[in-house]
Amino acid sequence: METTATISPKGMVSPPAKSVRYVLYARKSTEQDERQALSIDSQVKEMLQIAERDNLEVVEIRREAHSAKDSGSRPVFQELITDIRAEKFNGILAWDPSRVSRNAGDLGSIVDLMDQHLLEEIRTYGQSFHNSPNEKFLLMILCSQAKLENDNRSINVKRGLRTRVEMGLWPAPAPCGYIKEKRMDRKCETLVDPERAPVIKKMFEKVAYEKWSGRKLYNWLRFELNFRALPSKKPLSLGNIYRLLENHFYYGIFEYPRGSGNWYQGKHEPIISKELFDLVQEQLKGNELKTRQEKEFAFTKLMTCGLCGSGISADEKYKKLKNGKINTHVYYGCTKARDKHCKCGYINETDLIEQLQALIDTVELSETSVLKKVREEVTRYKKFSKSLLGESAKVAVKDIDVKDYVKFLLKEGSFEDKRVILSCVTSQIVLNKKVVSLR
């Protein structure tokens, strides 16, 4: 595009006008009533037609799905500002001003670029804005209007949610055992799921009256009933089961927002009674199914079951001796998360350590910062031993020395030492019918 000089009415020559190189910026709309008209593909199509009609030079097309509500929250827009400062292009082609900015911070950046003559024009579907006081003022009004609409929409949504919860309507996705009414005139009404609600009630009854544990519930739901939650249609995890058992929604009340202390009487039909819910909470607390601090064991989360691929857990067993003392034994075995009938078996921690020590001679230890410290410790110990004998302090540390020290730590090291040392093993450690091996 050629640049031409113009002559002002007073006969003075103005500098030649710059050719405008546009970036087409399309941002996804977040407003439901505009989604169809202002989808990214729709914006690009319409603006490319305008560029072709008006013979505009479009250098690049930038697409973004982030909201423009908060300043500095759009990475593509920030790159666009940087490229304009680098004079990669000096015009913006967008569907309307709200696509460019809905907040004061980003709007200020755009206006600053215009004041610095780095941004020559912003062209939208029905308007264009240049570096003139009136057009910049109009741009700021339109973008400020978009921000006002955002702010008002947020207030209206919060007011609507507050009204609904005061009416006893749960405004979020329905908990497992309930479904949402899809009619627009009955929005937020929560109905009992005839397929899943009886199972939910049975879960509470089994914990309250039959003293079932969370793990037993998990196995029952997954392996006997093949229970699937909506809308994911996935099995309930153990954590989800505990959260479900603590949800007041099932006997008719709810807190919104969660943790706010604001409780409401729900309009929905309860699945269980308040008395049954209280019995379950006593059982959960009494058996410490969830709230108790689980003791950590040295070798858990470092091995997998060689039969079903589940994790390996540990448990303590106590045996009272004839002299009155109590021996404590730690056993490791499959969690049976993937196969409740898994025949992996349980191995005593003492036997486990002996097998791990035997494996150390056959494995390759990865060169990590931990292993480096082990080498330094072995070197320091050998120097100390030689100094006691009056020999030279210069020593050579071999792999066999390091592995002997690793085997020592597996037996005599601290909880942290054992876990860190096994992290140096490059192969996967599996437990299969009380036998430890590598895969």
Protein backbone atom coordinates (compact mmCIF):
# COMPACT_ATOMS: atom_id res chain seq x y z
CA MET A 1 0.00 0.00 0.00
CA GLU A 2 1.43 3.37 -1.00
CA THR A 3 1.76 6.27 1.41
CA THR A 4 0.74 9.75 0.31
CA ALA A 5 1.33 13.19 1.74
CA THR A 6 -1.65 15.48 2.27
CA ILE A 7 -1.89 19.28 2.17
CA SER A 8 -3.76 21.02 4.98
CA PRO A 9 -6.10 23.95 4.31
CA LYS A 10 -3.35 26.35 5.35
CA GLY A 11 -1.00 24.88 2.76
CA MET A 12 1.22 22.97 5.21
CA VAL A 13 2.33 19.49 4.20
CA SER A 14 1.40 16.68 6.66
CA PRO A 15 3.60 13.61 7.10
CA PRO A 16 2.70 10.67 4.89
CA ALA A 17 0.00 8.35 6.32
CA LYS A 18 1.24 4.96 7.48
CA SER A 19 -0.01 1.81 5.82
CA VAL A 20 -2.11 -0.13 8.29
CA ARG A 21 -1.24 -3.78 8.95
CA TYR A 22 -4.09 -5.43 10.82
CA VAL A 23 -4.22 -8.30 13.26
CA LEU A 24 -7.63 -9.99 13.29
CA TYR A 25 -8.44 -10.60 16.97
CA ALA A 26 -11.33 -12.96 17.69
CA ARG A 27 -12.33 -13.71 21.28
CA LYS A 28 -14.93 -16.20 22.42
CA SER A 29 -18.03 -14.64 23.90
CA THR A 30 -19.10 -15.77 27.37
CA GLU A 31 -22.64 -14.42 27.17
CA GLN A 32 -25.22 -17.11 26.45
CA ASP A 33 -27.42 -14.87 24.28
CA GLU A 34 -24.48 -14.03 22.04
CA ARG A 35 -22.78 -17.41 21.62
CA GLN A 36 -24.21 -18.18 18.24
CA ALA A 37 -23.60 -14.76 16.71
CA LEU A 38 -20.21 -14.18 18.24
CA SER A 39 -18.47 -17.55 18.08
CA ILE A 40 -14.81 -17.33 17.15
CA ASP A 41 -15.31 -18.91 13.73
CA SER A 42 -18.20 -16.58 13.03
CA GLN A 43 -16.15 -13.52 13.97
CA VAL A 44 -13.23 -14.57 11.78
CA LYS A 45 -15.48 -15.27 8.80
CA GLU A 46 -17.32 -11.94 9.02
CA MET A 47 -14.20 -9.82 9.54
CA LEU A 48 -12.27 -11.51 6.73
CA GLN A 49 -15.13 -10.60 4.42
CA ILE A 50 -14.85 -6.97 5.53
CA ALA A 51 -11.06 -7.07 5.02
CA GLU A 52 -11.53 -8.40 1.50
CA ARG A 53 -14.21 -5.86 0.72
CA ASP A 54 -12.16 -2.88 1.95
CA ASN A 55 -8.82 -4.20 0.72
CA LEU A 56 -7.30 -4.37 4.22
CA GLU A 57 -3.96 -6.04 4.87
CA VAL A 58 -4.49 -8.72 7.54
CA VAL A 59 -1.10 -9.88 8.81
CA GLU A 60 -2.26 -12.47 11.37
CA ILE A 61 -5.34 -13.98 12.97
CA ARG A 62 -5.31 -14.35 16.75
CA ARG A 63 -7.95 -16.41 18.59
CA GLU A 64 -8.62 -16.37 22.33
CA ALA A 65 -11.09 -18.09 24.64
CA HIS A 66 -10.26 -16.24 27.88
CA SER A 67 -12.68 -13.78 29.46
CA ALA A 68 -11.91 -10.07 29.13
CA LYS A 69 -13.47 -9.27 32.49
CA ASP A 70 -10.17 -8.94 34.40
CA SER A 71 -7.15 -6.93 33.34
CA GLY A 72 -4.09 -8.92 32.24
CA SER A 73 -5.95 -12.25 32.20
CA ARG A 74 -5.71 -12.85 28.43
CA PRO A 75 -2.34 -14.24 27.29
CA VAL A 76 -3.09 -13.83 23.56
CA PHE A 77 -4.17 -10.22 24.08
CA GLN A 78 -0.97 -9.51 26.04
CA GLU A 79 1.09 -10.93 23.14
CA LEU A 80 -0.91 -8.74 20.78
CA ILE A 81 -0.03 -5.60 22.80
CA THR A 82 3.66 -6.62 22.81
CA ASP A 83 3.64 -7.15 19.03
CA ILE A 84 2.04 -3.75 18.46
CA ARG A 85 4.77 -2.12 20.54
CA ALA A 86 7.29 -3.98 18.39
CA GLU A 87 5.51 -2.50 15.33
CA LYS A 88 4.67 -5.92 13.94
CA PHE A 89 1.25 -4.51 13.10
CA ASN A 90 -0.55 -1.24 13.82
CA GLY A 91 -4.23 -2.04 13.40
CA ILE A 92 -6.76 -4.29 15.09
CA LEU A 93 -9.68 -5.89 13.31
CA ALA A 94 -12.37 -7.15 15.71
CA TRP A 95 -16.11 -7.83 15.74
CA ASP A 96 -16.89 -5.02 18.20
CA PRO A 97 -15.09 -3.00 20.92
CA SER A 98 -16.17 -5.43 23.65
CA ARG A 99 -14.10 -8.17 21.98
CA VAL A 100 -11.00 -6.00 22.53
CA SER A 101 -11.61 -4.85 26.09
CA ARG A 102 -14.15 -5.12 28.89
CA ASN A 103 -11.96 -3.68 31.66
CA ALA A 104 -10.24 -0.37 32.37
CA GLY A 105 -6.71 -1.80 32.47
CA ASP A 106 -6.71 -3.30 28.97
CA LEU A 107 -8.60 -0.29 27.60
CA GLY A 108 -5.89 2.00 29.00
CA SER A 109 -3.21 -0.05 27.20
CA ILE A 110 -5.06 0.31 23.90
CA VAL A 111 -5.53 4.07 24.27
CA ASP A 112 -1.86 4.49 25.25
CA LEU A 113 -0.82 2.73 22.05
CA MET A 114 -2.98 5.13 20.07
CA ASP A 115 -1.47 8.13 21.86
CA GLN A 116 2.01 6.83 20.99
CA HIS A 117 0.98 6.45 17.31
CA LEU A 118 1.75 2.73 17.49
CA LEU A 119 -1.88 1.77 16.94
CA GLU A 120 -3.39 3.57 13.96
CA GLU A 121 -6.86 2.07 13.85
CA ILE A 122 -9.30 -0.31 15.48
CA ARG A 123 -11.88 -1.43 12.97
CA THR A 124 -15.04 -3.28 14.00
CA TYR A 125 -18.02 -4.60 12.08
CA GLY A 126 -19.80 -1.25 12.03
CA GLN A 127 -17.26 1.34 13.20
CA SER A 128 -13.63 2.39 13.07
CA PHE A 129 -11.61 4.23 15.69
CA HIS A 130 -8.52 6.34 14.97
CA ASN A 131 -6.18 8.47 17.06
CA SER A 132 -8.56 11.41 17.37
CA PRO A 133 -10.08 12.75 20.61
CA ASN A 134 -13.68 12.11 19.60
CA GLU A 135 -13.13 8.58 18.32
CA LYS A 136 -11.00 7.58 21.33
CA PHE A 137 -13.68 9.01 23.62
CA LEU A 138 -16.35 6.97 21.84
CA LEU A 139 -14.17 3.85 22.09
CA MET A 140 -13.78 4.35 25.83
CA ILE A 141 -17.54 4.85 26.26
CA LEU A 142 -18.36 1.64 24.37
CA CYS A 143 -15.78 -0.42 26.27
CA SER A 144 -16.91 1.10 29.57
CA GLN A 145 -20.47 0.19 28.67
CA ALA A 146 -19.34 -3.41 28.16
CA LYS A 147 -17.71 -3.36 31.61
CA LEU A 148 -20.91 -1.96 33.12
CA GLU A 149 -22.86 -4.82 31.55
CA ASN A 150 -20.40 -7.32 33.04
CA ASP A 151 -20.67 -5.80 36.51
CA ASN A 152 -24.47 -5.67 36.36
CA ARG A 153 -24.62 -9.24 35.10
CA SER A 154 -22.53 -10.42 38.08
CA ILE A 155 -24.84 -8.60 40.49
CA ASN A 156 -27.93 -10.00 38.80
CA VAL A 157 -26.57 -13.57 38.85
CA LYS A 158 -25.73 -13.35 42.57
CA ARG A 159 -29.14 -11.87 43.31
CA GLY A 160 -30.79 -14.66 41.32
CA LEU A 161 -28.82 -17.35 43.16
CA ARG A 162 -29.65 -15.79 46.52
CA THR A 163 -33.36 -15.72 45.62
CA ARG A 164 -33.31 -19.35 44.55
CA VAL A 165 -31.62 -20.67 47.70
CA GLU A 166 -34.05 -18.66 49.84
CA MET A 167 -36.81 -20.50 47.96
CA GLY A 168 -35.13 -23.80 48.92
CA LEU A 169 -33.76 -24.51 45.44
CA TRP A 170 -30.24 -25.92 45.10
CA PRO A 171 -28.53 -23.85 42.33
CA ALA A 172 -25.57 -26.15 41.64
CA PRO A 173 -25.37 -29.59 39.93
CA ALA A 174 -27.51 -32.18 41.70
CA PRO A 175 -25.76 -34.48 44.21
CA CYS A 176 -25.57 -38.17 43.39
CA GLY A 177 -29.06 -39.64 43.89
CA TYR A 178 -30.80 -36.58 42.49
CA ILE A 179 -31.39 -35.17 39.01
CA LYS A 180 -32.12 -31.64 37.82
CA GLU A 181 -35.45 -30.60 36.33
CA LYS A 182 -34.72 -29.53 32.76
CA ARG A 183 -37.78 -27.35 32.26
CA MET A 184 -36.90 -23.65 32.09
CA ASP A 185 -39.97 -22.63 34.12
CA ARG A 186 -38.81 -24.93 36.95
CA LYS A 187 -35.09 -24.21 36.79
CA CYS A 188 -32.97 -25.37 39.77
CA GLU A 189 -35.61 -27.80 41.03
CA THR A 190 -33.96 -31.01 42.18
CA LEU A 191 -35.78 -34.31 41.79
CA VAL A 192 -35.08 -37.74 43.27
CA ASP A 193 -33.27 -40.07 40.87
CA PRO A 194 -35.44 -43.23 40.99
CA GLU A 195 -32.52 -45.43 39.93
CA ARG A 196 -29.79 -44.16 42.29
CA ALA A 197 -31.65 -42.78 45.30
CA PRO A 198 -32.45 -46.25 46.78
CA VAL A 199 -28.74 -47.13 46.57
CA ILE A 200 -27.78 -43.90 48.35
CA LYS A 201 -30.25 -44.66 51.15
CA LYS A 202 -28.87 -48.21 51.39
CA MET A 203 -25.34 -46.79 51.77
CA PHE A 204 -26.37 -44.75 54.81
CA GLU A 205 -28.18 -47.74 56.31
CA LYS A 206 -25.24 -50.08 55.88
CA VAL A 207 -22.89 -47.66 57.66
CA ALA A 208 -25.38 -46.85 60.44
CA TYR A 209 -26.78 -50.31 61.17
CA GLU A 210 -24.26 -52.80 59.76
CA LYS A 211 -21.14 -50.76 60.65
CA TRP A 212 -19.74 -50.94 57.12
CA SER A 213 -16.47 -49.19 56.36
CA GLY A 214 -15.88 -46.83 53.47
CA ARG A 215 -13.75 -49.46 51.72
CA LYS A 216 -16.49 -52.08 52.05
CA LEU A 217 -19.00 -49.62 50.58
CA TYR A 218 -16.60 -48.91 47.73
CA ASN A 219 -16.22 -52.60 46.85
CA TRP A 220 -19.98 -53.17 47.11
CA LEU A 221 -20.81 -50.25 44.82
CA ARG A 222 -18.14 -50.97 42.24
CA PHE A 223 -17.91 -54.72 42.03
CA GLU A 224 -21.38 -55.94 43.03
CA LEU A 225 -23.68 -53.16 41.81
CA ASN A 226 -21.44 -51.58 39.16
CA PHE A 227 -22.85 -48.27 40.44
CA ARG A 228 -22.21 -45.23 38.22
CA ALA A 229 -22.75 -41.62 39.23
CA LEU A 230 -24.25 -38.94 37.00
CA PRO A 231 -23.30 -37.07 34.91
CA SER A 232 -19.81 -38.62 34.61
CA LYS A 233 -21.12 -42.22 34.61
CA LYS A 234 -18.00 -43.20 36.54
CA PRO A 235 -17.74 -45.23 39.78
CA LEU A 236 -17.66 -43.27 43.02
CA SER A 237 -14.16 -42.92 44.45
CA LEU A 238 -13.51 -43.64 48.12
CA GLY A 239 -13.19 -39.91 48.81
CA ASN A 240 -16.50 -39.20 47.07
CA ILE A 241 -18.19 -41.83 49.20
CA TYR A 242 -17.06 -40.12 52.41
CA ARG A 243 -18.15 -36.72 51.10
CA LEU A 244 -21.52 -38.18 50.16
CA LEU A 245 -22.02 -39.62 53.65
CA GLU A 246 -21.38 -36.17 55.16
CA ASN A 247 -23.73 -34.27 52.83
CA HIS A 248 -26.68 -32.72 54.72
CA PHE A 249 -28.55 -32.33 51.44
CA TYR A 250 -29.79 -35.92 51.68
CA TYR A 251 -32.00 -35.19 54.71
CA GLY A 252 -33.33 -31.89 53.36
CA ILE A 253 -31.07 -28.93 54.20
CA PHE A 254 -28.05 -27.41 52.47
CA GLU A 255 -25.37 -24.77 52.97
CA TYR A 256 -24.75 -22.21 50.23
CA PRO A 257 -22.12 -21.20 49.42
CA ARG A 258 -20.25 -24.09 51.02
CA GLY A 259 -18.42 -23.00 54.15
CA SER A 260 -20.43 -19.77 54.45
CA GLY A 261 -22.51 -20.87 57.43
CA ASN A 262 -25.72 -19.95 55.58
CA TRP A 263 -28.13 -22.89 55.82
CA TYR A 264 -31.42 -23.27 53.95
CA GLN A 265 -34.33 -25.69 54.13
CA GLY A 266 -34.44 -27.42 50.78
CA LYS A 267 -37.56 -27.78 48.66
CA HIS A 268 -36.35 -31.17 47.41
CA GLU A 269 -37.55 -34.51 48.75
CA PRO A 270 -35.15 -35.99 51.36
CA ILE A 271 -33.74 -39.45 50.71
CA ILE A 272 -32.93 -40.20 54.36
CA SER A 273 -34.04 -38.95 57.77
CA LYS A 274 -32.08 -36.64 60.03
CA GLU A 275 -31.84 -39.46 62.58
CA LEU A 276 -30.22 -41.82 60.07
CA PHE A 277 -27.77 -39.08 59.02
CA ASP A 278 -26.76 -38.50 62.67
CA LEU A 279 -26.19 -42.22 63.21
CA VAL A 280 -23.87 -42.31 60.21
CA GLN A 281 -21.88 -39.33 61.50
CA GLU A 282 -21.43 -41.04 64.88
CA GLN A 283 -20.26 -44.20 63.14
CA LEU A 284 -17.83 -42.28 60.94
CA LYS A 285 -16.43 -40.47 63.95
CA GLY A 286 -16.36 -43.52 66.20
CA ASN A 287 -14.54 -45.71 63.71
CA GLU A 288 -12.37 -42.83 62.51
CA LEU A 289 -13.15 -43.83 58.93
CA LYS A 290 -12.09 -40.50 57.60
CA THR A 291 -10.98 -38.02 60.20
CA ARG A 292 -8.26 -40.01 61.91
CA GLN A 293 -4.71 -39.43 60.84
CA GLU A 294 -3.53 -42.48 59.00
CA LYS A 295 -0.11 -43.70 60.06
CA GLU A 296 2.37 -43.53 57.22
CA PHE A 297 4.51 -46.53 56.36
CA ALA A 298 7.91 -46.48 54.73
CA PHE A 299 7.22 -48.52 51.60
CA THR A 300 3.63 -47.62 50.65
CA LYS A 301 3.03 -45.74 47.37
CA LEU A 302 6.37 -47.06 46.10
CA MET A 303 5.16 -50.47 44.89
CA THR A 304 2.30 -51.83 42.83
CA CYS A 305 0.51 -55.16 42.82
CA GLY A 306 1.94 -57.50 40.22
CA LEU A 307 -1.42 -59.24 39.71
CA CYS A 308 -4.04 -56.49 39.34
CA GLY A 309 -2.01 -53.26 39.21
CA SER A 310 -3.51 -51.74 42.37
CA GLY A 311 -1.44 -49.85 44.92
CA ILE A 312 0.21 -51.45 47.96
CA SER A 313 -1.01 -50.49 51.43
CA ALA A 314 0.21 -51.45 54.89
CA ASP A 315 -1.31 -52.25 58.26
CA GLU A 316 -0.06 -52.89 61.77
CA LYS A 317 -0.87 -56.08 63.67
CA TYR A 318 -0.30 -56.57 67.40
CA LYS A 319 0.53 -59.81 69.21
CA LYS A 320 0.55 -60.12 72.98
CA LEU A 321 3.37 -62.28 74.31
CA LYS A 322 3.31 -64.54 77.37
CA ASN A 323 5.47 -62.09 79.33
CA GLY A 324 2.87 -59.36 78.79
CA LYS A 325 4.79 -57.44 76.15
CA ILE A 326 3.27 -56.64 72.77
CA ASN A 327 5.01 -57.22 69.47
CA THR A 328 4.13 -55.01 66.52
CA HIS A 329 4.27 -56.34 62.98
CA VAL A 330 3.73 -54.36 59.77
CA TYR A 331 2.29 -56.18 56.77
CA TYR A 332 2.15 -54.94 53.18
CA GLY A 333 -0.44 -56.09 50.66
CA CYS A 334 -2.63 -55.14 47.69
CA THR A 335 -5.32 -52.49 48.25
CA LYS A 336 -7.59 -54.53 45.93
CA ALA A 337 -8.88 -51.30 44.39
CA ARG A 338 -8.98 -52.90 40.93
CA ASP A 339 -9.81 -56.47 41.93
CA LYS A 340 -11.38 -57.21 45.30
CA HIS A 341 -10.54 -60.90 44.86
CA CYS A 342 -6.83 -60.28 44.23
CA LYS A 343 -4.63 -63.06 45.62
CA CYS A 344 -1.46 -61.00 46.04
CA GLY A 345 -1.10 -61.90 49.71
CA TYR A 346 0.55 -60.01 52.57
CA ILE A 347 4.24 -59.82 53.42
CA ASN A 348 5.85 -58.92 56.73
CA GLU A 349 7.95 -55.74 56.60
CA THR A 350 11.01 -57.65 57.84
CA ASP A 351 10.79 -60.10 54.92
CA LEU A 352 10.06 -57.23 52.55
CA ILE A 353 13.25 -55.41 53.56
CA GLU A 354 15.33 -58.56 53.10
CA GLN A 355 13.97 -59.01 49.57
CA LEU A 356 14.55 -55.32 48.76
CA GLN A 357 18.14 -55.61 49.98
CA ALA A 358 18.69 -58.60 47.69
CA LEU A 359 17.27 -56.64 44.75
CA ILE A 360 19.64 -53.71 45.31
CA ASP A 361 22.56 -55.83 44.02
CA THR A 362 20.73 -56.36 40.72
CA VAL A 363 19.32 -52.91 40.01
CA GLU A 364 20.69 -49.74 38.51
CA LEU A 365 20.51 -46.72 40.78
CA SER A 366 19.72 -43.43 39.04
CA GLU A 367 22.21 -40.61 39.52
CA THR A 368 20.15 -38.23 41.63
CA SER A 369 21.07 -35.66 44.26
CA VAL A 370 20.13 -38.28 46.85
CA LEU A 371 22.58 -40.81 45.47
CA LYS A 372 25.24 -38.12 45.34
CA LYS A 373 24.76 -37.54 49.05
CA VAL A 374 25.03 -41.26 49.67
CA ARG A 375 28.37 -41.35 47.86
CA GLU A 376 29.56 -38.38 49.90
CA GLU A 377 28.49 -40.12 53.11
CA VAL A 378 30.30 -43.33 52.16
CA THR A 379 33.42 -41.33 51.25
CA ARG A 380 33.31 -39.44 54.54
CA TYR A 381 32.93 -42.69 56.52
CA LYS A 382 35.83 -44.40 54.70
CA LYS A 383 38.07 -41.38 55.27
CA PHE A 384 37.18 -41.41 58.96
CA SER A 385 37.94 -45.16 59.22
CA LYS A 386 41.33 -44.79 57.53
CA SER A 387 42.27 -41.83 59.66
CA LEU A 388 41.72 -43.94 62.78
CA LEU A 389 44.17 -46.52 61.38
CA GLY A 390 46.69 -43.81 60.52
CA GLU A 391 46.41 -44.47 56.81
CA SER A 392 46.07 -42.01 53.94
CA ALA A 393 42.71 -40.29 53.78
CA LYS A 394 42.45 -40.68 50.02
CA VAL A 395 39.73 -43.24 49.21
CA ALA A 396 37.91 -44.61 46.20
CA VAL A 397 34.16 -45.27 46.43
CA LYS A 398 32.82 -48.10 44.28
CA ASP A 399 29.24 -48.94 43.37
CA ILE A 400 29.38 -51.89 45.72
CA ASP A 401 30.12 -49.55 48.62
CA VAL A 402 27.14 -47.37 47.72
CA LYS A 403 24.79 -50.34 47.41
CA ASP A 404 25.92 -51.71 50.79
CA TYR A 405 25.09 -48.36 52.35
CA VAL A 406 21.69 -48.30 50.59
CA LYS A 407 20.93 -51.76 52.00
CA PHE A 408 21.93 -50.52 55.45
CA LEU A 409 19.53 -47.56 55.16
CA LEU A 410 16.68 -49.85 54.06
CA LYS A 411 16.98 -51.66 57.37
CA GLU A 412 18.26 -49.08 59.83
CA GLY A 413 17.44 -45.76 58.16
CA SER A 414 14.68 -43.36 59.11
CA PHE A 415 11.25 -43.29 57.51
CA GLU A 416 12.39 -40.53 55.13
CA ASP A 417 15.67 -42.32 54.33
CA LYS A 418 13.88 -45.48 53.19
CA ARG A 419 11.43 -43.65 50.95
CA VAL A 420 14.07 -41.41 49.39
CA ILE A 421 16.48 -44.26 48.76
CA LEU A 422 13.89 -46.36 46.89
CA SER A 423 13.15 -43.36 44.67
CA CYS A 424 16.64 -43.89 43.19
CA VAL A 425 15.61 -47.27 41.78
CA THR A 426 14.89 -46.80 38.08
CA SER A 427 12.72 -49.93 37.69
CA GLN A 428 9.16 -50.35 38.95
CA ILE A 429 8.88 -52.41 42.14
CA VAL A 430 6.01 -54.91 42.21
CA LEU A 431 4.67 -57.26 44.86
CA ASN A 432 3.28 -60.56 43.62
CA LYS A 433 2.19 -63.31 46.04
CA LYS A 434 4.60 -62.14 48.78
CA VAL A 435 7.50 -61.89 46.33
CA VAL A 436 9.12 -58.56 45.45
CA SER A 437 10.47 -58.13 41.95
CA LEU A 438 11.24 -55.50 39.34
CA ARG A 439 9.39 -54.72 36.16
